């Protein structure tokens, strides 16, 4: 990863090349103007850390009350589609985003998909890998009793959260996680991915890039729609990489700043931008 954007994050700002910002127009207004002037819009939004603030545990996330209202109103804009992509399972996403809001949902880094008004579908159909993931989750059950460690079996992946654990506990938990993963029969067909206070085992190639490619092909409201991906963590880099030419990459927070066209300070700033699209 790069060193990120220097200086403070007191608002929304654009990492831009000289000459890209229109004279007299603020960076935020320049971005809003670009989105509003598009003939169509496909917004691809990560969930944790992007739409909602990161919480101490996955279960303690509280979306802003306004989020559902803003999403519903965005979808009333002509030629505007919205998709939410997450490392969470599809069933978890559905608890936060009800079916009455016609967004596309991609859970478990794209392993699970649900288009508006359609039944969910799973990309993972390898029974042997699925059995290995089930066995791996079972083998980690004792780690769930360690202070600050949370084990999450998502179906298509198994994650270990450690935000609340001390450094020594994390070190030992990592050793257990990696050693048990490497002992799996089909480990060579899997990959371990690290994020913000989480490490996850998942099938190789199952990432947000798969979901992005599908959504770009099947969910754009028009041939000339502007596609914008908003993300905050390393798992979103696969989504960035899968975007077609002309699409925008927006980092929420500093971590992906060097890979993004625009950088936002927080989910609150993203919500502010979404409100601006409604004006």
Foldseek 3Di string as FASTA:
>chain_A
DDPFDDDDQPWWAFPADPPPDDPPDGRLVSVLVVQLPFPAAEEEEEPDFAQWDHDLDPVPTDGDPCSQVLLQLQVVDPRYAYEYEYLAAPVVVCVVHPLVRQHWYAYNQNQWTDHRPGDIDGNDDDPLVLVLLVVLLVQCVVLCPPPQWDWDRRSQKIKIARSGPDPVSVVVSVVVSVVSLVPGPVSVQWDWDDKDRMIMIGGPPRHNLVVLLVCVVPPRSDPRYAYEYEEAIPSCVSVLVNDDPRHFYEYEPGPCNVVGRIYGPGSVNVVVSSVSSSD
